[in-house]
Amino acid sequence: MSTDTTNQTAPTHADTARHIAELTAENRALRAELEGARRAIEGHALADRERHLSDERFQQMFDCAPIGLTIVSLEGRFVRVNRALADVLGYTPEEFMRLNFQDITHPDDLEIDLDLLGKTIRGDIPRYQLHKRYIRRDGSLVHALLHVALVRDEAGAPVHFISQILDLTEQKQAFEALRASEERLRLLSTPLVPISDDVVAMPLIGTIDPDRADRVLEVLLAGISNGRVRVAILDVTGVVTLDEQVAAALVRTAHAVRLLGAQMVLSGIRAEVARTLVEIGADFSGIVTCANLQASITYALKISRGRASPRG
């Protein structure tokens, strides 16, 4: 019985070595590919984590900012608002989503706001700042400083606006209260007191500087400009001293009163004040002097009743 066998040539040592080298190279390439994939996955994960942290940081800064922040669409609609802005204007975040900034801008401030907005979209200016008034939900006004910046995409196309809104209402009210207080002090520093229908008196107390002397002239002339006042009394009993510049200003005031057709009475001149008036060579022509306010009022009322003739 015969058996058919196939003769096979045994691999040589060189063939084996070459095969091992090919497998090793494939293994290295596969390991490198796996390592690249691992690094890519880690890179994507790290990028996702950084994006998440960036979004979280922005959300925290946006929501917790002490001033009003809002994202506004190119059409002017509110996309997102923070709690500070909602508190200032009295709307809930949900109510804001149904509004645009035109709805809550004072009509007198809207035109300039829209003009600056258009310039920002066209690229004429990168951002703008504006003092403007907003209308609260209850109808009251909020004075604010608005700062607007435009966000663009990678191609440079406008995406939306980010606005910062600083509430200045309290500062505005404090400033107006200060101005009103200053005006009251100004009026108290140059009070014009009506004695009768055609007699007024201005008693001055304390120090008179050039600004206050100018105010004396302004108030006196305004008080007698209607033509009804016949006698104006300027009482300086409470003025201890005054310099030459102020003394000259008071004398000019007296002559200005005369030019308006009224009789000027200067009362209560102390020795120090009289010395200053003499030193500057003050012209008292047309000016009546009295020892004190009571004497000047008595004299003025006599003129008012036609029982005395104007002197000077």
Foldseek 3Di string as FASTA:
>chain_A
DDDDDDDDDDDDPVVVVVVVVVVVVVVVVVVVVVVVVVVVVVVVVVVVVVVVVVVVVVVCCQQVPQFKKFKAFLVQQTPFIHPNVCVVQVHDRVVSRVDGQVVFFDPVPPVVVVVQSVCCQVVVDQWDKDFGWTAHPVRDIWTWIKIKGFDADPVRHTGIIMMTIGTCRVVVVVVVVVVVVVVVVLCVQFPWADPDQAEIETEHADADDPVNLVSNLVVVCVVCQVVRHAEYEYEDLRPDAYALVSLQSNLVSQVVVVVSNHQYEYENQDPRHVVSCVVNVRDCVRYHYDHGDVVVSVVRVCVVVVNDDRHD
